[in-house]
Amino acid sequence: MAHVVIIGAGIGGMPAAYEMKDALKKLGGQHEVTVVSNVDYFHFTPSNPWVAVGWRDKEQISFACSPYLNKKGINFLSCGVDEILADENRLRLGNGQFLDYDYLIVATGPRLAFELVEGMGPQGHTHSICHVDHAVEAHKAFEEFCKNPGPIVVGAVQGVSCFGPAYEYAAILDTELRRRKIRDKVPMTFITPEPYIGHLGLGGVEDSKSMLESELRKRDIKFITNCKTLKVHEHSIDYEELDRHGAVIASGSLPHKYAMLMPPFRGVGPVANCEGLVNPLGFVTINEFQQNLKFKNIYGTGVIVAIPPIETTPVPIGTPKTGFMIETMTTAIVHNIIHDLKGEAPEKSGTWGAICLADFGNGGVALIAYPQIPPRNMVWAKSGAWVHVAKVGFEKYFMRKMKTGVSEPFMEKAFLKRMGIERLK
């Protein structure tokens, strides 16, 4: 009997649990799957920008994990993990007990490193949409802001790898302010460490530069690229603008009455503290089979995985790990654990493709980068009002997948294959 333990019950952890259980059932034997999370619910992270303007509430994009996982014969613990004892194949849980494993899948998501810029974060002077609870608080503050509006600053700071939500939130704020007929009272500025608008940590995707620049100009949102955020004050943000050689060409202070800045990510405590498992930033180091370089029975999927930047930029930025990319990682892990149980060498690698729907409230941009990291076999970018409808539909679809326990329905697999997109190489 093998015991597979998964740390995390998010967009990486939940599909991993369902796929792993299904694969072990087909293999035969009394194998066990356990999911350990620090919360008792799943929430659909891509909908957080909607929560932050009141278009969704927490209950609409979250549900209790235990009933759905237990129904599939998957154990669930919401006590969290305090320590990974990799040499002993054991976890020390948040409740003080120990949990042994034969295989460990790390799908924790990241720690939000707000401390890297003084004054940033919900405990400082900016809001966050990285977690649903942060988005709930951001919405409360937004409602107060609308009573006495003023300047807004949205964007990302140096070291960030996830830029899509910042673009989404800037445009969604613009849409909501127009609906409330107070947009004329709100100067908006978008700041980003990207070398150009639409870089996205990916070197751009087809025409993403002109598409996103056009979107910001159309909405009268000023922008600053190669932007290094120095410090956040209660009503202002200090910054420097760099040229392509890394020299400072401008500096200043942007006023704000409401601000949201995406933070850099780091490894969560128990993962980052496990010697030999991670790089200096706390991300799990992996080979092409999603296997840790030192501990071969530990695998990583999602944002917690170490991926180098695709290129050197004047202001440091990272490479994003998007939803479909994470699903390809997870599918590869499941196959490779089954190979190991059969006494075979790992052989499956994820395609690491990206399918992104960036919603702007009354439109949006859809991107396909396959694989996500260039050079690519397929690149596609389109915009239009249909993207908003597609994002709403995808939210409902993914939530249903996580409740029914089918990670990759037949029709989804067939549709993507028809487009030339598959999870495994």
Protein backbone atom coordinates (compact mmCIF):
# COMPACT_ATOMS: atom_id res chain seq x y z
CA MET A 1 0.00 0.00 0.00
CA ALA A 2 1.26 3.46 -0.89
CA HIS A 3 0.29 6.63 0.92
CA VAL A 4 0.34 9.78 -1.21
CA VAL A 5 0.10 13.02 0.77
CA ILE A 6 -0.67 16.36 -0.89
CA ILE A 7 0.05 19.64 0.90
CA GLY A 8 -2.41 22.27 -0.30
CA ALA A 9 -6.05 22.25 -1.40
CA GLY A 10 -6.02 24.96 -4.04
CA ILE A 11 -5.90 25.00 -7.83
CA GLY A 12 -2.92 22.64 -7.71
CA GLY A 13 -3.80 20.45 -4.73
CA MET A 14 -7.45 19.60 -5.39
CA PRO A 15 -6.96 18.36 -8.99
CA ALA A 16 -3.85 16.47 -7.84
CA ALA A 17 -5.90 14.63 -5.21
CA TYR A 18 -8.64 13.62 -7.64
CA GLU A 19 -6.24 12.53 -10.38
CA MET A 20 -4.02 10.64 -7.95
CA LYS A 21 -6.92 8.77 -6.36
CA ASP A 22 -8.33 7.82 -9.75
CA ALA A 23 -4.94 6.57 -11.00
CA LEU A 24 -4.30 4.53 -7.83
CA LYS A 25 -7.76 2.97 -8.06
CA LYS A 26 -7.00 1.83 -11.61
CA LEU A 27 -3.63 0.46 -10.46
CA GLY A 28 -5.30 -1.67 -7.80
CA GLY A 29 -4.35 -2.22 -4.18
CA GLN A 30 -5.18 -0.46 -0.93
CA HIS A 31 -3.52 2.85 -1.70
CA GLU A 32 -4.38 6.00 0.22
CA VAL A 33 -4.47 9.72 -0.62
CA THR A 34 -4.49 12.44 2.02
CA VAL A 35 -4.79 16.20 1.48
CA VAL A 36 -3.46 18.52 4.19
CA SER A 37 -4.37 22.22 4.10
CA ASN A 38 -4.14 25.14 6.49
CA VAL A 39 -7.79 26.03 5.74
CA ASP A 40 -10.89 23.87 5.40
CA TYR A 41 -12.10 25.33 2.09
CA PHE A 42 -11.21 25.61 -1.59
CA HIS A 43 -11.48 29.00 -3.23
CA PHE A 44 -11.24 29.93 -6.90
CA THR A 45 -8.36 32.42 -6.83
CA PRO A 46 -8.93 33.88 -10.35
CA SER A 47 -12.22 35.39 -9.14
CA ASN A 48 -10.56 37.46 -6.39
CA PRO A 49 -10.54 40.67 -8.48
CA TRP A 50 -14.34 40.41 -8.71
CA VAL A 51 -14.61 39.94 -4.95
CA ALA A 52 -12.55 43.09 -4.44
CA VAL A 53 -15.18 45.25 -6.19
CA GLY A 54 -18.22 43.41 -4.85
CA TRP A 55 -19.10 41.44 -8.00
CA ARG A 56 -18.68 38.21 -6.03
CA ASP A 57 -18.59 37.37 -2.35
CA LYS A 58 -16.43 34.75 -0.66
CA GLU A 59 -19.23 32.21 -0.43
CA GLN A 60 -19.80 32.28 -4.19
CA ILE A 61 -16.24 31.27 -5.04
CA SER A 62 -15.44 28.86 -2.21
CA PHE A 63 -16.71 25.63 -0.68
CA ALA A 64 -15.77 23.19 2.09
CA CYS A 65 -13.24 20.61 0.85
CA SER A 66 -14.00 17.70 3.15
CA PRO A 67 -17.40 16.55 1.79
CA TYR A 68 -16.20 16.42 -1.81
CA LEU A 69 -12.81 14.83 -1.11
CA ASN A 70 -14.24 12.31 1.36
CA LYS A 71 -16.88 11.30 -1.19
CA LYS A 72 -14.02 10.19 -3.46
CA GLY A 73 -12.31 8.28 -0.65
CA ILE A 74 -9.69 10.97 -0.09
CA ASN A 75 -8.66 11.89 3.46
CA PHE A 76 -8.65 15.58 4.37
CA LEU A 77 -6.93 17.39 7.24
CA SER A 78 -7.24 21.15 7.77
CA CYS A 79 -4.61 21.44 10.50
CA GLY A 80 -1.79 22.57 8.20
CA VAL A 81 1.85 21.44 8.19
CA ASP A 82 4.51 22.79 10.56
CA GLU A 83 7.50 20.83 9.29
CA ILE A 84 8.52 18.54 6.43
CA LEU A 85 10.85 15.81 7.72
CA ALA A 86 11.97 14.72 4.26
CA ASP A 87 14.68 12.32 5.46
CA GLU A 88 12.04 10.45 7.48
CA ASN A 89 9.19 10.63 4.91
CA ARG A 90 7.11 12.32 7.57
CA LEU A 91 5.20 15.56 8.21
CA ARG A 92 4.76 17.28 11.54
CA LEU A 93 1.25 18.66 11.41
CA GLY A 94 -0.15 21.85 12.89
CA ASN A 95 -1.94 19.85 15.57
CA GLY A 96 1.34 18.33 16.79
CA GLN A 97 0.73 14.90 15.29
CA PHE A 98 2.87 13.21 12.63
CA LEU A 99 1.82 11.91 9.22
CA ASP A 100 3.95 9.42 7.27
CA TYR A 101 3.99 9.34 3.49
CA ASP A 102 5.46 7.31 0.67
CA TYR A 103 5.07 10.13 -1.84
CA LEU A 104 4.62 13.82 -1.14
CA ILE A 105 3.15 16.36 -3.57
CA VAL A 106 3.83 19.97 -2.58
CA ALA A 107 1.03 22.21 -3.90
CA THR A 108 0.94 24.86 -1.21
CA GLY A 109 0.95 27.99 -3.27
CA PRO A 110 3.26 30.82 -2.17
CA ARG A 111 3.88 33.02 0.81
CA LEU A 112 3.08 36.65 -0.03
CA ALA A 113 6.28 38.56 0.70
CA PHE A 114 4.81 42.00 1.46
CA GLU A 115 7.75 42.77 3.75
CA LEU A 116 10.09 43.20 0.77
CA VAL A 117 8.71 46.70 0.17
CA GLU A 118 8.20 48.84 3.24
CA GLY A 119 4.57 49.79 3.78
CA MET A 120 3.13 47.27 1.29
CA GLY A 121 0.31 44.86 2.05
CA PRO A 122 -2.92 44.67 4.06
CA GLN A 123 -0.98 45.35 7.27
CA GLY A 124 0.51 48.41 5.57
CA HIS A 125 -0.95 50.84 3.06
CA THR A 126 -1.89 48.70 0.03
CA HIS A 127 -4.57 46.12 -0.61
CA SER A 128 -4.18 42.61 -2.02
CA ILE A 129 -6.23 40.32 -4.26
CA CYS A 130 -3.95 37.30 -3.86
CA HIS A 131 -6.18 35.65 -1.26
CA VAL A 132 -9.96 35.76 -1.00
CA ASP A 133 -9.82 37.15 2.55
CA HIS A 134 -7.60 39.98 1.31
CA ALA A 135 -10.04 40.63 -1.53
CA VAL A 136 -12.94 40.84 0.95
CA GLU A 137 -11.07 43.52 2.91
CA ALA A 138 -10.12 45.31 -0.33
CA HIS A 139 -13.81 45.51 -1.22
CA LYS A 140 -14.71 47.02 2.15
CA ALA A 141 -12.02 49.66 1.66
CA PHE A 142 -13.18 50.29 -1.91
CA GLU A 143 -16.72 51.03 -0.73
CA GLU A 144 -15.35 53.60 1.72
CA PHE A 145 -13.12 55.03 -1.01
CA CYS A 146 -16.11 55.58 -3.30
CA LYS A 147 -17.70 57.88 -0.72
CA ASN A 148 -14.76 60.27 -1.11
CA PRO A 149 -12.79 59.22 -4.22
CA GLY A 150 -9.29 60.26 -5.25
CA PRO A 151 -6.18 58.83 -6.98
CA ILE A 152 -5.76 55.06 -7.42
CA VAL A 153 -2.48 53.21 -8.01
CA VAL A 154 -2.58 49.57 -9.15
CA GLY A 155 0.25 47.33 -10.30
CA ALA A 156 3.12 45.13 -9.21
CA VAL A 157 6.46 45.58 -7.48
CA GLN A 158 9.91 44.26 -8.38
CA GLY A 159 10.31 40.49 -8.15
CA VAL A 160 6.68 39.78 -9.02
CA SER A 161 5.93 36.85 -11.32
CA CYS A 162 2.12 37.11 -11.52
CA PHE A 163 1.03 40.18 -13.50
CA GLY A 164 -2.34 39.17 -14.97
CA PRO A 165 -4.42 39.96 -11.85
CA ALA A 166 -2.93 43.46 -11.67
CA TYR A 167 -4.04 44.26 -15.22
CA GLU A 168 -7.43 42.71 -14.52
CA TYR A 169 -7.99 44.64 -11.33
CA ALA A 170 -6.99 47.98 -12.87
CA ALA A 171 -9.50 47.51 -15.70
CA ILE A 172 -12.21 46.12 -13.42
CA LEU A 173 -11.85 49.12 -11.10
CA ASP A 174 -12.18 51.40 -14.12
CA THR A 175 -15.33 49.56 -15.23
CA GLU A 176 -16.91 49.73 -11.77
CA LEU A 177 -16.03 53.41 -11.28
CA ARG A 178 -17.66 54.24 -14.62
CA ARG A 179 -20.79 52.35 -13.59
CA ARG A 180 -20.93 54.43 -10.42
CA LYS A 181 -20.32 57.58 -12.52
CA ILE A 182 -17.35 58.69 -10.41
CA ARG A 183 -14.53 57.72 -12.78
CA ASP A 184 -13.98 61.41 -13.55
CA LYS A 185 -12.94 61.93 -9.92
CA VAL A 186 -10.31 59.15 -9.94
CA PRO A 187 -6.91 59.59 -11.64
CA MET A 188 -5.48 56.09 -12.16
CA THR A 189 -1.86 54.96 -12.57
CA PHE A 190 -0.57 51.47 -13.34
CA ILE A 191 2.99 50.72 -12.23
CA THR A 192 4.92 47.61 -13.19
CA PRO A 193 8.51 46.31 -13.15
CA GLU A 194 7.94 44.79 -16.60
CA PRO A 195 10.20 46.27 -19.32
CA TYR A 196 7.05 47.00 -21.32
CA ILE A 197 3.29 46.69 -20.91
CA GLY A 198 2.16 43.16 -21.76
CA HIS A 199 5.49 41.45 -21.07
CA LEU A 200 3.75 39.43 -18.34
CA GLY A 201 6.97 37.73 -17.27
CA LEU A 202 6.77 35.78 -20.54
CA GLY A 203 8.49 38.08 -23.01
CA GLY A 204 5.04 38.99 -24.31
CA VAL A 205 2.45 36.75 -25.96
CA GLU A 206 1.86 37.56 -29.64
CA ASP A 207 0.49 41.14 -29.65
CA SER A 208 -0.02 41.45 -25.88
CA LYS A 209 2.08 44.65 -25.74
CA SER A 210 -0.09 46.71 -28.06
CA MET A 211 -3.33 45.08 -26.89
CA LEU A 212 -2.77 45.88 -23.20
CA GLU A 213 -1.26 49.31 -23.89
CA SER A 214 -4.32 50.13 -25.97
CA GLU A 215 -6.58 48.91 -23.16
CA LEU A 216 -4.89 51.15 -20.60
CA ARG A 217 -4.93 54.19 -22.89
CA LYS A 218 -8.57 53.62 -23.81
CA ARG A 219 -9.40 53.64 -20.11
CA ASP A 220 -7.25 56.71 -19.41
CA ILE A 221 -4.96 54.77 -17.07
CA LYS A 222 -1.42 56.20 -17.07
CA PHE A 223 1.38 53.66 -16.76
CA ILE A 224 5.03 53.45 -15.73
CA THR A 225 7.18 50.47 -16.81
CA ASN A 226 10.61 49.44 -15.49
CA CYS A 227 9.24 50.75 -12.21
CA LYS A 228 10.95 49.97 -8.92
CA THR A 229 8.75 50.60 -5.88
CA LEU A 230 10.81 52.02 -3.02
CA LYS A 231 8.33 52.62 -0.22
CA VAL A 232 4.59 52.84 0.34
CA HIS A 233 3.21 55.61 2.54
CA GLU A 234 -0.35 56.03 3.71
CA HIS A 235 -1.20 58.36 0.81
CA SER A 236 1.75 58.05 -1.59
CA ILE A 237 4.13 55.57 -3.22
CA ASP A 238 7.82 56.35 -3.80
CA TYR A 239 9.25 54.89 -7.00
CA GLU A 240 12.13 54.96 -9.49
CA GLU A 241 11.87 54.44 -13.24
CA LEU A 242 14.82 52.68 -14.89
CA ASP A 243 16.03 52.60 -18.49
CA ARG A 244 16.90 49.41 -20.34
CA HIS A 245 20.42 49.49 -18.90
CA GLY A 246 19.17 49.66 -15.33
CA ALA A 247 20.00 53.34 -14.78
CA VAL A 248 17.50 55.58 -12.98
CA ILE A 249 15.91 58.02 -15.42
CA ALA A 250 13.11 59.35 -13.21
CA SER A 251 11.88 59.17 -9.66
CA GLY A 252 8.95 60.53 -7.77
CA SER A 253 6.01 59.93 -5.50
CA LEU A 254 2.55 58.91 -6.70
CA PRO A 255 -0.42 60.04 -4.60
CA HIS A 256 -3.11 57.49 -3.76
CA LYS A 257 -6.25 57.11 -1.73
CA TYR A 258 -6.55 53.46 -2.73
CA ALA A 259 -3.78 51.16 -3.91
CA MET A 260 -3.32 47.50 -4.82
CA LEU A 261 0.16 46.16 -5.56
CA MET A 262 0.95 42.54 -6.35
CA PRO A 263 3.73 41.30 -4.03
CA PRO A 264 6.66 38.99 -4.77
CA PHE A 265 6.17 35.34 -3.87
CA ARG A 266 8.32 33.17 -1.62
CA GLY A 267 8.09 29.61 -0.33
CA VAL A 268 5.76 29.00 2.62
CA GLY A 269 7.39 28.32 5.99
CA PRO A 270 7.51 24.49 6.26
CA VAL A 271 8.56 24.16 2.62
CA ALA A 272 11.15 26.96 2.69
CA ASN A 273 12.64 25.53 5.90
CA CYS A 274 13.19 22.03 4.50
CA GLU A 275 16.89 21.82 3.69
CA GLY A 276 17.67 20.31 0.30
CA LEU A 277 14.10 20.69 -0.97
CA VAL A 278 14.18 24.32 -2.07
CA ASN A 279 16.21 27.10 -3.66
CA PRO A 280 17.23 30.22 -1.68
CA LEU A 281 13.80 31.80 -2.25
CA GLY A 282 12.01 28.80 -0.78
CA PHE A 283 10.69 27.31 -4.03
CA VAL A 284 10.81 23.55 -4.64
CA THR A 285 13.56 22.58 -7.09
CA ILE A 286 12.43 20.03 -9.67
CA ASN A 287 13.60 18.09 -12.71
CA GLU A 288 11.67 17.66 -15.95
CA PHE A 289 9.43 15.08 -14.24
CA GLN A 290 8.35 17.51 -11.45
CA GLN A 291 10.53 15.48 -9.07
CA ASN A 292 12.62 17.18 -6.40
CA LEU A 293 16.33 17.10 -7.16
CA LYS A 294 17.29 15.59 -3.78
CA PHE A 295 14.21 13.78 -2.49
CA LYS A 296 12.92 11.69 -5.39
CA ASN A 297 9.63 10.81 -3.69
CA ILE A 298 8.71 14.51 -3.35
CA TYR A 299 7.10 16.36 -6.26
CA GLY A 300 6.17 20.00 -6.74
CA THR A 301 3.32 21.62 -8.65
CA GLY A 302 2.06 25.17 -9.02
CA VAL A 303 3.43 28.47 -7.78
CA ILE A 304 5.67 26.76 -5.21
CA VAL A 305 7.84 25.31 -8.02
CA ALA A 306 11.17 26.99 -8.85
CA ILE A 307 11.28 28.32 -12.42
CA PRO A 308 13.97 30.82 -13.49
CA PRO A 309 13.07 34.10 -15.24
CA ILE A 310 12.89 33.73 -19.00
CA GLU A 311 15.24 36.68 -19.52
CA THR A 312 17.18 39.36 -17.68
CA THR A 313 15.21 42.59 -17.27
CA PRO A 314 16.28 46.02 -15.88
CA VAL A 315 14.00 45.52 -12.88
CA PRO A 316 13.92 41.86 -11.75
CA ILE A 317 10.71 39.92 -12.46
CA GLY A 318 9.74 36.26 -12.33
CA THR A 319 7.97 33.75 -14.54
CA PRO A 320 4.25 33.12 -13.86
CA LYS A 321 2.75 29.70 -13.17
CA THR A 322 -0.74 29.85 -14.62
CA GLY A 323 -3.75 27.56 -14.15
CA PHE A 324 -3.43 25.25 -17.16
CA MET A 325 0.33 25.11 -16.69
CA ILE A 326 -0.26 23.88 -13.13
CA GLU A 327 -2.70 21.26 -14.39
CA THR A 328 -0.05 19.92 -16.80
CA MET A 329 2.45 19.70 -13.93
CA THR A 330 -0.07 17.79 -11.81
CA THR A 331 -0.93 15.28 -14.53
CA ALA A 332 2.77 14.57 -15.08
CA ILE A 333 3.29 13.99 -11.34
CA VAL A 334 0.43 11.48 -11.15
CA HIS A 335 1.76 9.50 -14.10
CA ASN A 336 5.29 9.47 -12.70
CA ILE A 337 4.19 8.25 -9.25
CA ILE A 338 2.33 5.40 -10.96
CA HIS A 339 5.48 4.61 -12.96
CA ASP A 340 7.47 4.45 -9.73
CA LEU A 341 4.92 2.17 -8.07
CA LYS A 342 5.27 -0.16 -11.04
CA GLY A 343 9.05 -0.14 -10.63
CA GLU A 344 9.52 1.98 -13.77
CA ALA A 345 11.51 5.15 -14.30
CA PRO A 346 9.59 8.44 -14.59
CA GLU A 347 8.91 9.47 -18.17
CA LYS A 348 6.12 12.05 -18.26
CA SER A 349 6.67 15.79 -18.53
CA GLY A 350 4.01 18.48 -18.62
CA THR A 351 3.70 20.69 -21.68
CA TRP A 352 3.57 23.77 -19.41
CA GLY A 353 1.12 25.53 -21.71
CA ALA A 354 -0.76 28.65 -20.70
CA ILE A 355 -4.40 29.44 -21.46
CA CYS A 356 -5.31 32.79 -19.88
CA LEU A 357 -8.57 34.73 -19.71
CA ALA A 358 -7.94 38.25 -18.41
CA ASP A 359 -11.29 39.82 -17.60
CA PHE A 360 -11.71 43.61 -17.72
CA GLY A 361 -15.33 43.74 -16.60
CA ASN A 362 -16.75 44.77 -19.95
CA GLY A 363 -14.29 42.90 -22.13
CA GLY A 364 -10.89 41.31 -21.78
CA VAL A 365 -7.93 39.60 -23.39
CA ALA A 366 -7.47 35.88 -24.05
CA LEU A 367 -3.99 34.44 -24.48
CA ILE A 368 -2.57 31.05 -25.41
CA ALA A 369 1.16 30.40 -25.03
CA TYR A 370 2.05 26.78 -25.71
CA PRO A 371 4.38 26.10 -24.08
CA GLN A 372 4.27 29.07 -21.74
CA ILE A 373 8.03 29.64 -21.85
CA PRO A 374 9.39 30.55 -25.33
CA PRO A 375 10.19 29.41 -27.96
CA ARG A 376 6.62 28.25 -28.50
CA ASN A 377 4.70 25.93 -30.79
CA MET A 378 1.53 28.03 -30.56
CA VAL A 379 0.89 31.68 -29.74
CA TRP A 380 -2.53 33.32 -29.85
CA ALA A 381 -4.00 36.53 -28.43
CA LYS A 382 -7.46 38.03 -28.93
CA SER A 383 -9.60 40.62 -27.17
CA GLY A 384 -13.29 41.40 -26.95
CA ALA A 385 -16.43 41.42 -24.83
CA TRP A 386 -16.66 37.65 -25.22
CA VAL A 387 -13.69 37.21 -22.86
CA HIS A 388 -15.74 38.42 -19.88
CA VAL A 389 -18.46 35.89 -20.70
CA ALA A 390 -15.85 33.16 -21.12
CA LYS A 391 -14.24 33.97 -17.76
CA VAL A 392 -17.60 33.78 -15.97
CA GLY A 393 -18.29 30.45 -17.67
CA PHE A 394 -14.87 29.09 -16.77
CA GLU A 395 -15.35 30.04 -13.12
CA LYS A 396 -18.55 27.97 -12.97
CA TYR A 397 -16.97 25.12 -14.94
CA PHE A 398 -13.84 24.83 -12.79
CA MET A 399 -15.80 25.03 -9.54
CA ARG A 400 -18.02 22.21 -10.79
CA LYS A 401 -14.96 20.12 -11.69
CA MET A 402 -13.63 20.51 -8.17
CA LYS A 403 -16.96 19.41 -6.70
CA THR A 404 -17.52 16.44 -9.01
CA GLY A 405 -13.93 15.24 -8.68
CA VAL A 406 -13.14 15.01 -12.39
CA SER A 407 -9.94 16.90 -13.08
CA GLU A 408 -9.97 16.51 -16.88
CA PRO A 409 -13.40 15.69 -18.33
CA PHE A 410 -13.40 13.85 -21.65
CA MET A 411 -14.93 16.74 -23.60
CA GLU A 412 -12.35 19.21 -22.26
CA LYS A 413 -9.50 16.89 -23.23
CA ALA A 414 -10.95 16.29 -26.69
CA PHE A 415 -11.60 20.00 -27.30
CA LEU A 416 -8.08 21.03 -26.31
CA LYS A 417 -6.53 18.20 -28.30
CA ARG A 418 -8.44 19.41 -31.36
CA MET A 419 -6.75 22.77 -30.84
CA GLY A 420 -3.38 21.05 -30.59
CA ILE A 421 -3.10 21.48 -26.82
CA GLU A 422 -2.35 18.56 -24.50
CA ARG A 423 -1.21 18.27 -20.90
CA LEU A 424 1.66 15.84 -21.47
CA LYS A 425 4.53 15.90 -23.91
